[in-house]
Amino acid sequence: MKFLKLLSLAFLCSTTVAAQVTDSMMLRQIYDVALMEGHSYKNLEHLCKQIGPRLSGSKNAQKAVEWSKKVMEDYGFDKVYLQEVMVPHWERGAKEVAYITEGSTKILIRIAALGGSIASPVGGITAKVVEVKNFEELRVMGESVKGKIVFFNRPFDARFFDTFEAYSGAVNQRGQGAVEAAKLGAVGVIVRSMTNIIDDNPHTGGMRYQEGVTKIPAAAISTKAAELLSQKLRSGNGSAIKLYFKQNCQTLPDALSYNVIGEIRGSVTPDNIITVGGHLDSWDLAEGAHDDGTGVTQSIEVLRIFKALKFKPQNTIRAVMFMNEENGLRGGAKYAELAKQNNEKHIAALESDEGGFTPRGFTIEDSPSALAHISKWKSLFEPYKVSDIEAGGSGSDLGPLKNAVPGIVLIGFKPDSQRYFDIHHASSDVFENVNKRELELGAASMASLIYLIDKYGAK
């Protein structure tokens, strides 16, 4: 009996080693295809240069829908289709104008209206400025804020290694600042751009209003201009400083748009679905290269790599181009709604929405069992330096799936974060700032994880 147990253990060990060798060889092939014959970079170039900014509801967003659908059809994916979704339609209008006034002196500064903001009055706004770091400071000021422009000037906390943590610690002033300032009678809001560098590029982003609270115009100010304005306000002449800004944005009726979906059908359990995706929309100031053109093209590339290798997954692999992540999350909500309505069985979903920089690993959301299971594959990723597998968030578009699809494992793709907020939501988010090799390494890393989940499950 003891001999049989030893023989069984030896067989199990040899089988495990053989499986590891097979998986290692498959990952090598995936990386080879991505790095030697990759399509993600040329696809990204077309998306950025031939289509460009793709804010929900815009003509360019529709062009991106049509383009991504055709790309996946041309690759011969088993099924390519559209999911209808109604999305917000906000337009920036003519370029914003702003300047600091100090007596008769005017100093031009760069601002950008925040997405969803109302326009300023036709002639713009001129008012004294109060500077605060947070909502607590604002509330202490009370009625003294009335008739003034509130300047939220809380920078990123540089102590965070992961810049997304620094972003999370600062972004509420952008999202809720207009509401909190309006409650005290402010006439406008200027918010320090959400970036850890000092430059002259304002970074836009979404903001919200609250029913029953007066709507006031809100804009992002470049960090360079924020430093200047703060310095002026702290000077001996600070009480004489005023700010003028004018913006011309408007919100139009909701528009019809689409999530774009491509599939490779599973060969064993086709009703089981593994999703990989990014969001197709982008802010209007630039080309949306890192946010999120890279995630879109990497997700398409995952399926293309499998086709190139003639790999037949056991489960259905689905690439989803979500619409309206930036100012509404309508695409992610619609995808989850239909998944629940259709009783779809999703094993796992992976999102790439943190840029196309050097891949570092993956974050597993709210599933200790999945984290333990996927962590067992670290050794397979170590040759590619992509072995940081830890608990964390997945992605905004995947959030609605958490309650809609029981048992799903949500995963975020984690590239190096140090440069992301240099360009996030700013005019500098262009194709030229994406590195071809980093983009391709990311696509290969994502395809490798999808391959392993398809073979072994997600938890």
Protein backbone atom coordinates (compact mmCIF):
# COMPACT_ATOMS: atom_id res chain seq x y z
CA MET A 1 0.00 0.00 0.00
CA LYS A 2 2.85 2.38 0.92
CA PHE A 3 4.48 1.62 -2.44
CA LEU A 4 1.23 2.46 -4.27
CA LYS A 5 0.95 5.76 -2.42
CA LEU A 6 4.52 6.67 -3.31
CA LEU A 7 3.92 5.66 -6.92
CA SER A 8 0.76 7.79 -7.02
CA LEU A 9 2.63 10.77 -5.53
CA ALA A 10 5.45 10.38 -8.04
CA PHE A 11 2.94 10.26 -10.89
CA LEU A 12 1.20 13.39 -9.59
CA CYS A 13 4.50 15.26 -9.31
CA SER A 14 5.59 14.24 -12.79
CA THR A 15 2.21 15.28 -14.19
CA THR A 16 2.48 18.67 -12.45
CA VAL A 17 5.98 19.25 -13.79
CA ALA A 18 4.87 18.28 -17.30
CA ALA A 19 1.95 20.71 -17.08
CA GLN A 20 4.28 23.50 -15.93
CA VAL A 21 6.60 22.84 -18.86
CA THR A 22 3.67 22.88 -21.29
CA ASP A 23 2.33 26.13 -19.81
CA SER A 24 5.76 27.72 -19.85
CA MET A 25 6.16 26.85 -23.52
CA MET A 26 2.71 28.24 -24.31
CA LEU A 27 3.47 31.53 -22.56
CA ARG A 28 6.70 31.76 -24.53
CA GLN A 29 4.73 31.35 -27.76
CA ILE A 30 2.24 34.00 -26.69
CA TYR A 31 5.00 36.49 -25.97
CA ASP A 32 6.76 35.63 -29.23
CA VAL A 33 3.64 36.34 -31.29
CA ALA A 34 2.96 39.62 -29.44
CA LEU A 35 6.55 40.87 -29.72
CA MET A 36 7.47 39.57 -33.17
CA GLU A 37 4.15 39.76 -35.03
CA GLY A 38 2.04 42.07 -32.87
CA HIS A 39 -0.82 44.19 -34.19
CA SER A 40 -1.68 46.22 -31.09
CA TYR A 41 0.64 49.15 -31.91
CA LYS A 42 -0.54 49.63 -35.48
CA ASN A 43 -4.15 49.32 -34.36
CA LEU A 44 -3.55 51.94 -31.69
CA GLU A 45 -1.98 54.27 -34.25
CA HIS A 46 -5.09 54.05 -36.42
CA LEU A 47 -7.42 54.62 -33.47
CA CYS A 48 -5.45 57.67 -32.32
CA LYS A 49 -4.44 59.25 -35.61
CA GLN A 50 -7.30 58.37 -37.95
CA ILE A 51 -10.10 58.73 -35.39
CA GLY A 52 -8.73 60.67 -32.43
CA PRO A 53 -10.68 61.92 -29.38
CA ARG A 54 -13.78 59.78 -28.73
CA LEU A 55 -15.98 61.33 -26.07
CA SER A 56 -19.31 59.53 -25.68
CA GLY A 57 -22.00 60.79 -28.03
CA SER A 58 -19.52 62.30 -30.49
CA LYS A 59 -19.06 61.45 -34.17
CA ASN A 60 -15.59 60.11 -33.38
CA ALA A 61 -17.00 57.74 -30.77
CA GLN A 62 -19.26 56.29 -33.47
CA LYS A 63 -16.31 56.02 -35.86
CA ALA A 64 -14.43 54.09 -33.16
CA VAL A 65 -17.37 51.71 -32.77
CA GLU A 66 -17.44 51.01 -36.50
CA TRP A 67 -13.65 50.65 -36.71
CA SER A 68 -13.28 48.23 -33.79
CA LYS A 69 -16.15 46.09 -35.07
CA LYS A 70 -14.52 45.84 -38.51
CA VAL A 71 -11.09 45.04 -37.05
CA MET A 72 -12.47 42.09 -35.12
CA GLU A 73 -14.50 40.90 -38.09
CA ASP A 74 -11.41 41.06 -40.30
CA TYR A 75 -9.53 38.91 -37.78
CA GLY A 76 -12.18 36.25 -38.20
CA PHE A 77 -13.40 36.08 -34.61
CA ASP A 78 -16.29 33.65 -34.29
CA LYS A 79 -18.81 36.35 -33.41
CA VAL A 80 -18.68 40.14 -33.50
CA TYR A 81 -21.65 42.26 -32.45
CA LEU A 82 -22.86 45.50 -30.89
CA GLN A 83 -24.72 46.16 -27.64
CA GLU A 84 -26.89 49.26 -27.72
CA VAL A 85 -26.44 51.73 -24.87
CA MET A 86 -27.67 55.28 -24.36
CA VAL A 87 -24.82 57.57 -23.29
CA PRO A 88 -24.39 61.16 -22.05
CA HIS A 89 -23.50 63.74 -24.72
CA TRP A 90 -21.45 66.63 -23.34
CA GLU A 91 -19.53 69.03 -25.58
CA ARG A 92 -16.74 71.41 -24.60
CA GLY A 93 -17.42 74.10 -27.19
CA ALA A 94 -14.96 76.91 -27.89
CA LYS A 95 -11.64 76.86 -26.04
CA GLU A 96 -11.70 78.16 -22.48
CA VAL A 97 -10.12 81.48 -21.51
CA ALA A 98 -8.77 82.36 -18.07
CA TYR A 99 -6.50 84.91 -16.49
CA ILE A 100 -5.40 86.18 -13.09
CA THR A 101 -5.94 89.89 -12.53
CA GLU A 102 -3.66 91.87 -10.22
CA GLY A 103 -4.65 95.48 -10.50
CA SER A 104 -4.34 96.35 -14.18
CA THR A 105 -2.16 93.31 -14.89
CA LYS A 106 -3.61 90.22 -16.56
CA ILE A 107 -1.77 86.91 -16.53
CA LEU A 108 -3.16 84.31 -18.92
CA ILE A 109 -3.40 80.80 -17.48
CA ARG A 110 -4.52 77.44 -18.87
CA ILE A 111 -7.73 75.77 -17.74
CA ALA A 112 -10.08 73.11 -19.13
CA ALA A 113 -13.76 72.71 -18.29
CA LEU A 114 -14.51 69.60 -16.29
CA GLY A 115 -16.67 67.05 -18.04
CA GLY A 116 -20.34 67.59 -17.27
CA SER A 117 -19.86 71.18 -16.15
CA ILE A 118 -22.20 73.95 -17.21
CA ALA A 119 -20.89 76.92 -19.18
CA SER A 120 -19.93 80.16 -17.50
CA PRO A 121 -22.15 83.19 -18.15
CA VAL A 122 -21.66 84.52 -21.69
CA GLY A 123 -19.26 87.20 -20.53
CA GLY A 124 -17.37 84.87 -18.21
CA ILE A 125 -16.91 85.14 -14.44
CA THR A 126 -14.66 87.56 -12.57
CA ALA A 127 -14.42 87.15 -8.80
CA LYS A 128 -12.10 87.01 -5.83
CA VAL A 129 -10.59 83.62 -5.08
CA VAL A 130 -10.48 81.54 -1.92
CA GLU A 131 -7.95 78.71 -1.80
CA VAL A 132 -8.65 75.49 0.12
CA LYS A 133 -7.05 72.08 0.34
CA ASN A 134 -10.15 70.08 1.26
CA PHE A 135 -13.85 70.21 2.07
CA GLU A 136 -13.19 70.65 5.80
CA GLU A 137 -11.28 73.90 5.16
CA LEU A 138 -14.06 75.03 2.85
CA ARG A 139 -16.79 74.48 5.46
CA VAL A 140 -14.84 76.40 8.09
CA MET A 141 -14.93 79.44 5.78
CA GLY A 142 -18.72 79.31 5.74
CA GLU A 143 -20.53 82.30 4.23
CA SER A 144 -17.27 84.13 3.44
CA VAL A 145 -17.16 81.96 0.30
CA LYS A 146 -20.31 83.59 -1.09
CA GLY A 147 -19.81 85.34 -4.44
CA LYS A 148 -16.25 84.01 -4.80
CA ILE A 149 -14.47 81.38 -6.90
CA VAL A 150 -13.28 78.43 -4.83
CA PHE A 151 -9.82 77.16 -5.77
CA PHE A 152 -9.26 73.55 -4.67
CA ASN A 153 -5.50 73.09 -4.51
CA ARG A 154 -4.78 69.70 -2.93
CA PRO A 155 -1.83 68.06 -4.72
CA PHE A 156 -1.10 64.36 -5.02
CA ASP A 157 0.52 62.81 -1.96
CA ALA A 158 3.98 61.97 -3.32
CA ARG A 159 4.58 59.38 -0.62
CA PHE A 160 2.40 56.80 -2.38
CA PHE A 161 4.43 54.46 -4.57
CA ASP A 162 1.30 53.55 -6.53
CA THR A 163 0.18 56.81 -8.11
CA PHE A 164 -3.41 55.51 -8.32
CA GLU A 165 -3.53 55.73 -4.53
CA ALA A 166 -2.41 59.36 -4.74
CA TYR A 167 -5.11 59.98 -7.37
CA SER A 168 -7.76 58.41 -5.15
CA GLY A 169 -6.68 60.70 -2.31
CA ALA A 170 -7.13 63.87 -4.38
CA VAL A 171 -9.89 63.26 -6.91
CA ASN A 172 -12.93 63.99 -4.73
CA GLN A 173 -12.23 67.73 -5.07
CA ARG A 174 -12.74 67.34 -8.82
CA GLY A 175 -15.85 65.17 -8.60
CA GLN A 176 -17.70 66.89 -5.74
CA GLY A 177 -16.02 70.28 -5.43
CA ALA A 178 -18.64 72.23 -7.36
CA VAL A 179 -21.44 70.90 -5.17
CA GLU A 180 -19.67 71.64 -1.88
CA ALA A 181 -18.67 75.15 -3.01
CA ALA A 182 -22.14 75.97 -4.36
CA LYS A 183 -23.74 75.04 -1.03
CA LEU A 184 -21.87 78.02 0.46
CA GLY A 185 -22.72 80.43 -2.35
CA ALA A 186 -19.60 80.23 -4.53
CA VAL A 187 -20.00 81.33 -8.16
CA GLY A 188 -17.41 78.99 -9.69
CA VAL A 189 -14.81 76.33 -8.97
CA ILE A 190 -11.24 75.85 -10.18
CA VAL A 191 -9.58 72.52 -9.32
CA ARG A 192 -5.88 71.67 -9.41
CA SER A 193 -5.26 69.12 -12.18
CA MET A 194 -5.06 65.49 -11.12
CA THR A 195 -1.38 64.90 -11.86
CA ASN A 196 1.83 64.51 -9.89
CA ILE A 197 3.94 66.70 -12.19
CA ILE A 198 4.17 70.47 -12.61
CA ASP A 199 3.36 71.43 -16.19
CA ASP A 200 1.01 73.65 -18.14
CA ASN A 201 -1.44 70.98 -19.34
CA PRO A 202 -4.83 71.11 -17.62
CA HIS A 203 -6.26 67.64 -16.99
CA THR A 204 -10.01 67.36 -17.42
CA GLY A 205 -12.22 64.64 -15.93
CA GLY A 206 -15.74 64.02 -14.75
CA MET A 207 -17.62 66.05 -12.13
CA ARG A 208 -21.11 65.80 -10.68
CA TYR A 209 -23.95 68.08 -9.65
CA GLN A 210 -26.51 67.39 -6.95
CA GLU A 211 -30.24 67.88 -7.18
CA GLY A 212 -31.33 70.90 -5.16
CA VAL A 213 -27.88 72.52 -5.22
CA THR A 214 -27.17 75.42 -7.61
CA LYS A 215 -25.04 74.43 -10.57
CA ILE A 216 -21.86 76.47 -10.93
CA PRO A 217 -19.16 76.18 -13.64
CA ALA A 218 -16.13 74.06 -12.82
CA ALA A 219 -12.73 73.81 -14.51
CA ALA A 220 -9.35 72.18 -14.02
CA ILE A 221 -6.32 74.47 -13.81
CA SER A 222 -2.86 73.31 -14.87
CA THR A 223 -0.52 72.57 -11.97
CA LYS A 224 1.88 75.29 -13.14
CA ALA A 225 -0.93 77.84 -13.09
CA ALA A 226 -2.16 76.46 -9.75
CA GLU A 227 1.25 77.07 -8.20
CA LEU A 228 1.27 80.62 -9.59
CA LEU A 229 -2.25 81.41 -8.38
CA SER A 230 -1.50 80.03 -4.92
CA GLN A 231 1.67 82.13 -4.73
CA LYS A 232 -0.25 85.26 -5.73
CA LEU A 233 -2.95 84.62 -3.13
CA ARG A 234 -0.36 84.21 -0.37
CA SER A 235 1.49 87.40 -1.32
CA GLY A 236 1.03 90.74 0.42
CA ASN A 237 -1.36 91.73 -2.36
CA GLY A 238 -3.39 88.53 -2.17
CA SER A 239 -6.66 90.20 -1.22
CA ALA A 240 -6.61 92.13 -4.52
CA ILE A 241 -6.23 89.03 -6.69
CA LYS A 242 -9.15 88.09 -8.90
CA LEU A 243 -9.69 85.35 -11.44
CA TYR A 244 -11.55 85.51 -14.73
CA PHE A 245 -12.65 82.40 -16.60
CA LYS A 246 -14.97 81.66 -19.47
CA GLN A 247 -16.08 78.28 -20.78
CA ASN A 248 -18.63 77.31 -23.39
CA CYS A 249 -19.64 73.70 -22.68
CA GLN A 250 -23.11 72.23 -22.93
CA THR A 251 -24.94 68.98 -22.20
CA LEU A 252 -27.06 67.66 -25.06
CA PRO A 253 -29.70 64.89 -24.95
CA ASP A 254 -28.42 61.35 -24.42
CA ALA A 255 -27.16 59.66 -27.59
CA LEU A 256 -27.32 56.10 -28.88
CA SER A 257 -24.00 54.30 -28.82
CA TYR A 258 -22.64 50.77 -28.44
CA ASN A 259 -20.38 48.37 -26.63
CA VAL A 260 -18.43 46.40 -29.25
CA ILE A 261 -17.91 42.68 -28.58
CA GLY A 262 -15.87 39.98 -30.27
CA GLU A 263 -15.73 36.30 -29.30
CA ILE A 264 -13.79 33.11 -29.82
CA ARG A 265 -16.27 30.38 -28.96
CA GLY A 266 -15.26 27.77 -26.41
CA SER A 267 -14.55 24.26 -27.69
CA VAL A 268 -15.59 22.41 -24.50
CA THR A 269 -17.80 24.66 -22.36
CA PRO A 270 -18.87 27.48 -24.69
CA ASP A 271 -21.47 28.81 -22.24
CA ASN A 272 -18.68 29.72 -19.82
CA ILE A 273 -17.32 33.19 -20.59
CA ILE A 274 -14.00 34.87 -19.86
CA THR A 275 -14.08 38.60 -20.63
CA VAL A 276 -11.15 40.88 -21.41
CA GLY A 277 -11.75 44.54 -22.15
CA GLY A 278 -11.03 48.25 -22.12
CA HIS A 279 -13.08 51.35 -22.79
CA LEU A 280 -13.46 52.78 -26.29
CA ASP A 281 -14.41 56.32 -25.31
CA SER A 282 -11.89 58.98 -24.30
CA TRP A 283 -11.84 62.58 -23.22
CA ASP A 284 -11.86 65.20 -25.93
CA LEU A 285 -8.56 67.01 -25.25
CA ALA A 286 -6.31 64.42 -26.91
CA GLU A 287 -6.24 61.05 -28.66
CA GLY A 288 -7.02 58.85 -25.66
CA ALA A 289 -3.90 56.78 -26.31
CA HIS A 290 -3.16 55.44 -22.83
CA ASP A 291 -6.72 56.11 -21.62
CA ASP A 292 -7.86 53.78 -22.95
CA GLY A 293 -6.73 53.10 -26.51
CA THR A 294 -4.05 50.80 -25.16
CA GLY A 295 -6.60 48.72 -23.21
CA VAL A 296 -8.83 48.43 -26.27
CA THR A 297 -6.08 47.31 -28.63
CA GLN A 298 -4.55 44.95 -26.05
CA SER A 299 -7.91 43.27 -25.51
CA ILE A 300 -8.40 42.73 -29.24
CA GLU A 301 -4.82 41.49 -29.44
CA VAL A 302 -5.49 38.79 -26.81
CA LEU A 303 -8.00 37.11 -29.14
CA ARG A 304 -5.86 37.72 -32.22
CA ILE A 305 -2.89 36.00 -30.56
CA PHE A 306 -5.03 32.94 -29.83
CA LYS A 307 -6.16 32.87 -33.46
CA ALA A 308 -2.56 33.20 -34.68
CA LEU A 309 -1.51 30.26 -32.48
CA LYS A 310 -4.55 28.23 -33.57
CA PHE A 311 -5.34 27.88 -29.87
CA LYS A 312 -8.86 26.62 -29.21
CA PRO A 313 -9.95 27.72 -25.73
CA GLN A 314 -12.18 25.48 -23.63
CA ASN A 315 -14.37 28.46 -22.68
CA THR A 316 -15.65 31.36 -24.74
CA ILE A 317 -13.17 34.26 -24.72
CA ARG A 318 -14.84 37.62 -25.19
CA ALA A 319 -13.19 40.98 -25.95
CA VAL A 320 -15.37 43.92 -24.93
CA MET A 321 -14.88 47.53 -25.98
CA PHE A 322 -16.93 49.37 -23.32
CA MET A 323 -18.49 52.73 -24.17
CA ASN A 324 -18.80 55.67 -21.75
CA GLU A 325 -16.40 54.81 -18.95
CA GLU A 326 -15.20 58.41 -18.71
CA ASN A 327 -18.43 60.23 -17.91
CA GLY A 328 -21.12 57.77 -16.96
CA LEU A 329 -20.14 54.07 -16.94
CA ARG A 330 -23.21 53.34 -19.02
CA GLY A 331 -21.42 50.70 -21.14
CA GLY A 332 -20.24 48.70 -18.14
CA ALA A 333 -23.68 48.90 -16.55
CA LYS A 334 -25.40 47.76 -19.76
CA TYR A 335 -22.99 44.85 -20.21
CA ALA A 336 -23.68 43.66 -16.65
CA GLU A 337 -27.43 44.18 -17.05
CA LEU A 338 -27.56 42.01 -20.16
CA ALA A 339 -25.26 39.38 -18.65
CA LYS A 340 -27.70 39.03 -15.75
CA GLN A 341 -30.77 39.17 -18.00
CA ASN A 342 -29.36 36.45 -20.27
CA ASN A 343 -28.19 34.29 -17.34
CA GLU A 344 -24.65 34.28 -18.69
CA LYS A 345 -22.05 32.36 -16.74
CA HIS A 346 -18.90 34.45 -16.44
CA ILE A 347 -15.84 32.78 -14.97
CA ALA A 348 -13.63 35.86 -14.90
CA ALA A 349 -13.22 39.35 -16.35
CA LEU A 350 -9.95 41.23 -16.89
CA GLU A 351 -9.78 44.96 -17.58
CA SER A 352 -6.89 47.04 -18.92
CA ASP A 353 -7.47 50.70 -18.02
CA GLU A 354 -4.28 51.90 -16.35
CA GLY A 355 -2.25 52.68 -19.45
CA GLY A 356 0.00 50.79 -21.81
CA PHE A 357 3.16 50.99 -19.72
CA THR A 358 5.50 48.16 -18.67
CA PRO A 359 3.39 45.31 -17.23
CA ARG A 360 3.93 44.52 -13.56
CA GLY A 361 1.14 42.10 -12.66
CA PHE A 362 -2.52 41.80 -11.80
CA THR A 363 -4.87 42.78 -8.99
CA ILE A 364 -7.64 40.44 -7.82
CA GLU A 365 -10.79 42.05 -6.46
CA ASP A 366 -12.50 40.76 -3.31
CA SER A 367 -11.68 37.06 -3.77
CA PRO A 368 -9.06 35.50 -1.47
CA SER A 369 -9.58 32.10 -3.10
CA ALA A 370 -8.91 33.54 -6.58
CA LEU A 371 -5.87 35.42 -5.30
CA ALA A 372 -4.41 32.23 -3.83
CA HIS A 373 -5.19 30.27 -7.01
CA ILE A 374 -3.77 32.80 -9.47
CA SER A 375 -0.73 33.45 -7.26
CA LYS A 376 0.35 29.85 -7.93
CA TRP A 377 1.22 30.96 -11.47
CA LYS A 378 3.76 33.58 -10.37
CA SER A 379 6.68 31.40 -11.41
CA LEU A 380 5.33 31.26 -14.97
CA PHE A 381 5.26 35.06 -15.15
CA GLU A 382 8.59 35.69 -13.44
CA PRO A 383 10.67 35.40 -16.66
CA TYR A 384 8.64 38.34 -17.98
CA LYS A 385 8.82 40.38 -14.72
CA VAL A 386 5.01 40.34 -14.41
CA SER A 387 4.67 38.53 -11.10
CA ASP A 388 3.06 41.19 -8.84
CA ILE A 389 -0.22 39.42 -8.11
CA GLU A 390 -2.07 40.98 -5.21
CA ALA A 391 -5.46 42.02 -3.87
CA GLY A 392 -6.86 45.21 -5.37
CA GLY A 393 -9.45 46.74 -7.66
CA SER A 394 -10.23 45.47 -11.14
CA GLY A 395 -11.67 48.28 -13.26
CA SER A 396 -14.56 50.71 -13.42
CA ASP A 397 -16.33 48.93 -16.28
CA LEU A 398 -16.18 45.60 -14.46
CA GLY A 399 -17.66 46.92 -11.23
CA PRO A 400 -21.32 46.36 -12.22
CA LEU A 401 -20.58 42.68 -12.92
CA LYS A 402 -19.84 42.07 -9.24
CA ASN A 403 -23.51 42.00 -8.24
CA ALA A 404 -24.92 40.96 -11.61
CA VAL A 405 -22.96 37.72 -12.08
CA PRO A 406 -22.50 35.57 -8.94
CA GLY A 407 -19.12 33.92 -8.59
CA ILE A 408 -17.26 35.96 -11.20
CA VAL A 409 -13.61 36.80 -10.51
CA LEU A 410 -12.72 40.42 -11.38
CA ILE A 411 -9.12 41.21 -12.29
CA GLY A 412 -7.23 44.39 -13.11
CA PHE A 413 -4.17 44.53 -15.36
CA LYS A 414 -1.41 46.48 -13.55
CA PRO A 415 1.25 48.27 -15.60
CA ASP A 416 3.88 50.48 -13.98
CA SER A 417 1.99 53.53 -12.70
CA GLN A 418 4.70 56.19 -12.42
CA ARG A 419 4.05 58.03 -15.71
CA TYR A 420 0.31 57.49 -16.13
CA PHE A 421 -0.92 60.67 -14.49
CA ASP A 422 1.58 62.77 -16.42
CA ILE A 423 -0.79 62.46 -19.37
CA HIS A 424 -4.11 61.25 -17.89
CA HIS A 425 -7.05 63.29 -19.32
CA ALA A 426 -4.65 65.87 -20.78
CA SER A 427 -3.71 67.00 -24.28
CA SER A 428 -0.48 64.99 -23.98
CA ASP A 429 -2.29 61.61 -24.05
CA VAL A 430 -1.24 60.92 -27.64
CA PHE A 431 0.05 57.96 -29.63
CA GLU A 432 3.64 59.25 -29.55
CA ASN A 433 3.69 58.76 -25.78
CA VAL A 434 3.04 55.02 -26.04
CA ASN A 435 6.02 52.69 -26.22
CA LYS A 436 5.52 49.87 -28.73
CA ARG A 437 7.33 47.21 -26.75
CA GLU A 438 5.64 48.06 -23.46
CA LEU A 439 2.24 47.89 -25.18
CA GLU A 440 3.02 44.50 -26.70
CA LEU A 441 4.37 43.09 -23.44
CA GLY A 442 1.11 44.09 -21.80
CA ALA A 443 -0.99 42.35 -24.44
CA ALA A 444 1.11 39.18 -24.06
CA SER A 445 0.75 39.28 -20.27
CA MET A 446 -3.01 39.60 -20.53
CA ALA A 447 -3.25 36.77 -23.08
CA SER A 448 -1.09 34.57 -20.84
CA LEU A 449 -3.37 35.05 -17.85
CA ILE A 450 -6.49 34.41 -19.95
CA TYR A 451 -4.87 31.20 -21.26
CA LEU A 452 -4.19 29.98 -17.71
CA ILE A 453 -7.68 30.85 -16.47
CA ASP A 454 -9.20 29.07 -19.46
CA LYS A 455 -7.17 25.93 -18.60
CA TYR A 456 -7.35 25.90 -14.81
CA GLY A 457 -10.23 28.20 -13.83
CA ALA A 458 -10.03 31.43 -11.86
CA LYS A 459 -10.28 30.12 -8.29
